[in-house]
Amino acid sequence: MPRKIPMRRCVATGEQLPKKELLRIVRTPEGIPAVDLTGKANGRGAYLKKDPDAVQKARKTGILARALEIQIPDSFWDEIMKAVK
């Protein structure tokens, strides 16, 4: 039997995609946003499609800040963009 591919939903586009095609952003227990490259970091996570357009949409709509329930500093958006490219 083939292995089940874990699927997650992108908060910006609403697309259901394999976990490997998404970037996990996590709110650490200290309340700081972080890019989670392992997919296993502690804290509340939200997924973004690895696509600059999806990142821009998330930034414009504020959906990521709502999903993680924190304010996201401008400097952190640059970090997300670097991780997506």
N, C-alpha and C. Protein backbone atom coordinates (compact mmCIF):
# COMPACT_ATOMS: atom_id res chain seq x y z
N MET A 1 0.84 -1.20 0.00
CA MET A 1 0.00 0.00 0.00
C MET A 1 0.88 1.25 0.00
N PRO A 2 0.60 2.21 -0.89
CA PRO A 2 1.44 3.42 -0.93
C PRO A 2 1.28 4.25 0.34
N ARG A 3 2.38 4.93 0.71
CA ARG A 3 2.33 5.77 1.91
C ARG A 3 1.45 6.98 1.67
N LYS A 4 0.75 7.38 2.73
CA LYS A 4 -0.14 8.54 2.65
C LYS A 4 0.72 9.81 2.68
N ILE A 5 0.46 10.73 1.77
CA ILE A 5 1.19 12.00 1.73
C ILE A 5 0.47 13.00 2.64
N PRO A 6 1.19 13.54 3.65
CA PRO A 6 0.53 14.51 4.53
C PRO A 6 0.19 15.80 3.77
N MET A 7 -1.07 16.19 3.85
CA MET A 7 -1.53 17.39 3.16
C MET A 7 -1.80 18.48 4.19
N ARG A 8 -1.55 19.72 3.77
CA ARG A 8 -1.83 20.88 4.61
C ARG A 8 -2.42 21.97 3.74
N ARG A 9 -3.12 22.93 4.38
CA ARG A 9 -3.76 24.01 3.64
C ARG A 9 -2.94 25.30 3.80
N CYS A 10 -2.68 25.97 2.67
CA CYS A 10 -1.98 27.26 2.69
C CYS A 10 -2.95 28.31 3.23
N VAL A 11 -2.51 29.09 4.22
CA VAL A 11 -3.41 30.10 4.80
C VAL A 11 -3.71 31.23 3.81
N ALA A 12 -2.78 31.50 2.88
CA ALA A 12 -2.97 32.61 1.94
C ALA A 12 -3.88 32.24 0.77
N THR A 13 -3.62 31.06 0.15
CA THR A 13 -4.35 30.70 -1.06
C THR A 13 -5.52 29.75 -0.80
N GLY A 14 -5.50 29.07 0.35
CA GLY A 14 -6.56 28.13 0.65
C GLY A 14 -6.39 26.79 -0.06
N GLU A 15 -5.25 26.63 -0.78
CA GLU A 15 -5.01 25.38 -1.51
C GLU A 15 -4.56 24.27 -0.57
N GLN A 16 -5.03 23.07 -0.82
CA GLN A 16 -4.59 21.89 -0.08
C GLN A 16 -3.40 21.32 -0.86
N LEU A 17 -2.23 21.28 -0.22
CA LEU A 17 -1.00 20.86 -0.90
C LEU A 17 -0.21 19.88 -0.04
N PRO A 18 0.66 19.07 -0.67
CA PRO A 18 1.54 18.21 0.13
C PRO A 18 2.41 19.07 1.04
N LYS A 19 2.63 18.59 2.25
CA LYS A 19 3.38 19.34 3.26
C LYS A 19 4.74 19.82 2.74
N LYS A 20 5.39 19.02 1.90
CA LYS A 20 6.73 19.37 1.38
C LYS A 20 6.71 20.63 0.50
N GLU A 21 5.56 20.96 -0.09
CA GLU A 21 5.47 22.14 -0.96
C GLU A 21 5.12 23.41 -0.19
N LEU A 22 5.01 23.29 1.13
CA LEU A 22 4.62 24.42 1.96
C LEU A 22 5.72 24.77 2.95
N LEU A 23 5.71 26.02 3.38
CA LEU A 23 6.65 26.52 4.38
C LEU A 23 5.86 26.68 5.68
N ARG A 24 6.37 26.11 6.77
CA ARG A 24 5.68 26.24 8.05
C ARG A 24 6.24 27.45 8.80
N ILE A 25 5.33 28.31 9.20
CA ILE A 25 5.68 29.47 10.03
C ILE A 25 5.10 29.15 11.40
N VAL A 26 5.88 29.35 12.43
CA VAL A 26 5.43 28.96 13.76
C VAL A 26 5.51 30.15 14.72
N ARG A 27 4.55 30.21 15.64
CA ARG A 27 4.64 31.17 16.76
C ARG A 27 5.20 30.38 17.93
N THR A 28 6.42 30.72 18.30
CA THR A 28 7.08 29.99 19.39
C THR A 28 6.33 30.21 20.70
N PRO A 29 6.59 29.35 21.70
CA PRO A 29 5.92 29.57 23.01
C PRO A 29 6.20 30.96 23.59
N GLU A 30 7.31 31.60 23.15
CA GLU A 30 7.62 32.97 23.62
C GLU A 30 6.82 34.02 22.85
N GLY A 31 6.07 33.60 21.82
CA GLY A 31 5.26 34.54 21.04
C GLY A 31 6.01 35.21 19.91
N ILE A 32 7.12 34.59 19.47
CA ILE A 32 7.93 35.15 18.39
C ILE A 32 7.71 34.32 17.12
N PRO A 33 7.50 34.98 15.97
CA PRO A 33 7.35 34.19 14.74
C PRO A 33 8.69 33.63 14.28
N ALA A 34 8.67 32.41 13.72
CA ALA A 34 9.90 31.79 13.23
C ALA A 34 9.58 30.93 12.02
N VAL A 35 10.53 30.83 11.08
CA VAL A 35 10.39 29.93 9.94
C VAL A 35 10.82 28.56 10.44
N ASP A 36 9.94 27.58 10.32
CA ASP A 36 10.22 26.22 10.79
C ASP A 36 10.58 25.34 9.61
N LEU A 37 11.88 25.15 9.37
CA LEU A 37 12.32 24.36 8.23
C LEU A 37 12.19 22.86 8.50
N THR A 38 12.18 22.45 9.77
CA THR A 38 12.08 21.02 10.10
C THR A 38 10.63 20.55 10.08
N GLY A 39 9.69 21.47 10.32
CA GLY A 39 8.28 21.09 10.40
C GLY A 39 7.92 20.48 11.74
N LYS A 40 8.84 20.56 12.70
CA LYS A 40 8.61 19.92 13.99
C LYS A 40 8.75 20.87 15.18
N ALA A 41 8.95 22.14 14.92
CA ALA A 41 9.16 23.10 16.01
C ALA A 41 7.91 23.22 16.89
N ASN A 42 8.14 23.49 18.17
CA ASN A 42 7.03 23.68 19.10
C ASN A 42 6.35 25.01 18.83
N GLY A 43 5.05 25.04 19.03
CA GLY A 43 4.32 26.28 18.89
C GLY A 43 3.20 26.15 17.88
N ARG A 44 2.44 27.22 17.73
CA ARG A 44 1.31 27.24 16.81
C ARG A 44 1.84 27.46 15.40
N GLY A 45 1.48 26.59 14.48
CA GLY A 45 2.00 26.69 13.12
C GLY A 45 0.95 27.06 12.10
N ALA A 46 1.41 27.67 11.02
CA ALA A 46 0.57 27.97 9.86
C ALA A 46 1.42 27.69 8.63
N TYR A 47 0.78 27.27 7.55
CA TYR A 47 1.50 26.90 6.34
C TYR A 47 1.30 27.93 5.24
N LEU A 48 2.39 28.20 4.51
CA LEU A 48 2.36 29.10 3.36
C LEU A 48 2.94 28.38 2.16
N LYS A 49 2.30 28.54 1.02
CA LYS A 49 2.82 27.97 -0.22
C LYS A 49 4.18 28.59 -0.51
N LYS A 50 5.12 27.78 -0.99
CA LYS A 50 6.47 28.29 -1.31
C LYS A 50 6.41 29.04 -2.63
N ASP A 51 5.76 30.19 -2.58
CA ASP A 51 5.53 30.99 -3.78
C ASP A 51 5.50 32.47 -3.37
N PRO A 52 6.36 33.31 -3.96
CA PRO A 52 6.38 34.73 -3.57
C PRO A 52 5.00 35.41 -3.64
N ASP A 53 4.16 35.00 -4.60
CA ASP A 53 2.82 35.59 -4.71
C ASP A 53 1.98 35.26 -3.49
N ALA A 54 2.08 34.02 -3.01
CA ALA A 54 1.32 33.60 -1.82
C ALA A 54 1.80 34.38 -0.60
N VAL A 55 3.11 34.61 -0.52
CA VAL A 55 3.68 35.37 0.60
C VAL A 55 3.17 36.80 0.57
N GLN A 56 3.16 37.41 -0.63
CA GLN A 56 2.67 38.79 -0.77
C GLN A 56 1.19 38.87 -0.38
N LYS A 57 0.42 37.88 -0.80
CA LYS A 57 -1.02 37.86 -0.48
C LYS A 57 -1.22 37.76 1.03
N ALA A 58 -0.44 36.89 1.67
CA ALA A 58 -0.54 36.72 3.12
C ALA A 58 -0.19 38.01 3.84
N ARG A 59 0.81 38.71 3.31
CA ARG A 59 1.25 39.97 3.92
C ARG A 59 0.18 41.05 3.77
N LYS A 60 -0.40 41.13 2.55
CA LYS A 60 -1.41 42.16 2.27
C LYS A 60 -2.69 41.96 3.08
N THR A 61 -3.13 40.70 3.17
CA THR A 61 -4.40 40.42 3.84
C THR A 61 -4.27 40.30 5.35
N GLY A 62 -3.03 40.07 5.84
CA GLY A 62 -2.83 39.92 7.28
C GLY A 62 -3.28 38.57 7.79
N ILE A 63 -3.50 37.62 6.88
CA ILE A 63 -4.03 36.30 7.26
C ILE A 63 -3.05 35.52 8.14
N LEU A 64 -1.75 35.66 7.89
CA LEU A 64 -0.76 34.93 8.69
C LEU A 64 -0.76 35.42 10.13
N ALA A 65 -0.85 36.74 10.30
CA ALA A 65 -0.89 37.31 11.65
C ALA A 65 -2.13 36.81 12.40
N ARG A 66 -3.26 36.69 11.68
CA ARG A 66 -4.49 36.17 12.31
C ARG A 66 -4.36 34.69 12.67
N ALA A 67 -3.76 33.92 11.75
CA ALA A 67 -3.61 32.47 11.98
C ALA A 67 -2.71 32.19 13.18
N LEU A 68 -1.65 33.00 13.33
CA LEU A 68 -0.71 32.79 14.43
C LEU A 68 -1.05 33.61 15.67
N GLU A 69 -2.04 34.50 15.52
CA GLU A 69 -2.50 35.36 16.62
C GLU A 69 -1.39 36.24 17.20
N ILE A 70 -0.54 36.78 16.31
CA ILE A 70 0.52 37.71 16.71
C ILE A 70 0.74 38.75 15.62
N GLN A 71 1.42 39.85 15.97
CA GLN A 71 1.84 40.84 14.97
C GLN A 71 3.10 40.31 14.31
N ILE A 72 3.22 40.50 13.00
CA ILE A 72 4.40 40.03 12.29
C ILE A 72 5.22 41.24 11.83
N PRO A 73 6.47 41.36 12.35
CA PRO A 73 7.30 42.52 11.98
C PRO A 73 7.72 42.47 10.52
N ASP A 74 7.94 43.64 9.92
CA ASP A 74 8.33 43.73 8.51
C ASP A 74 9.60 42.95 8.22
N SER A 75 10.54 42.97 9.15
CA SER A 75 11.82 42.28 8.94
C SER A 75 11.60 40.78 8.77
N PHE A 76 10.57 40.24 9.42
CA PHE A 76 10.29 38.81 9.33
C PHE A 76 9.77 38.42 7.95
N TRP A 77 9.06 39.34 7.28
CA TRP A 77 8.57 39.04 5.92
C TRP A 77 9.74 38.82 4.97
N ASP A 78 10.84 39.55 5.17
CA ASP A 78 12.03 39.36 4.34
C ASP A 78 12.60 37.96 4.54
N GLU A 79 12.59 37.50 5.79
CA GLU A 79 13.07 36.16 6.13
C GLU A 79 12.21 35.09 5.44
N ILE A 80 10.90 35.32 5.43
CA ILE A 80 9.98 34.37 4.77
C ILE A 80 10.28 34.35 3.27
N MET A 81 10.45 35.53 2.67
CA MET A 81 10.74 35.62 1.24
C MET A 81 12.02 34.86 0.87
N LYS A 82 13.05 35.00 1.73
CA LYS A 82 14.31 34.28 1.48
C LYS A 82 14.10 32.77 1.52
N ALA A 83 13.30 32.31 2.46
CA ALA A 83 13.04 30.88 2.63
C ALA A 83 12.22 30.31 1.46
N VAL A 84 11.40 31.17 0.86
CA VAL A 84 10.52 30.74 -0.24
C VAL A 84 11.28 30.60 -1.57
N LYS A 85 12.26 31.47 -1.77
CA LYS A 85 12.99 31.48 -3.07
C LYS A 85 13.93 30.30 -3.24
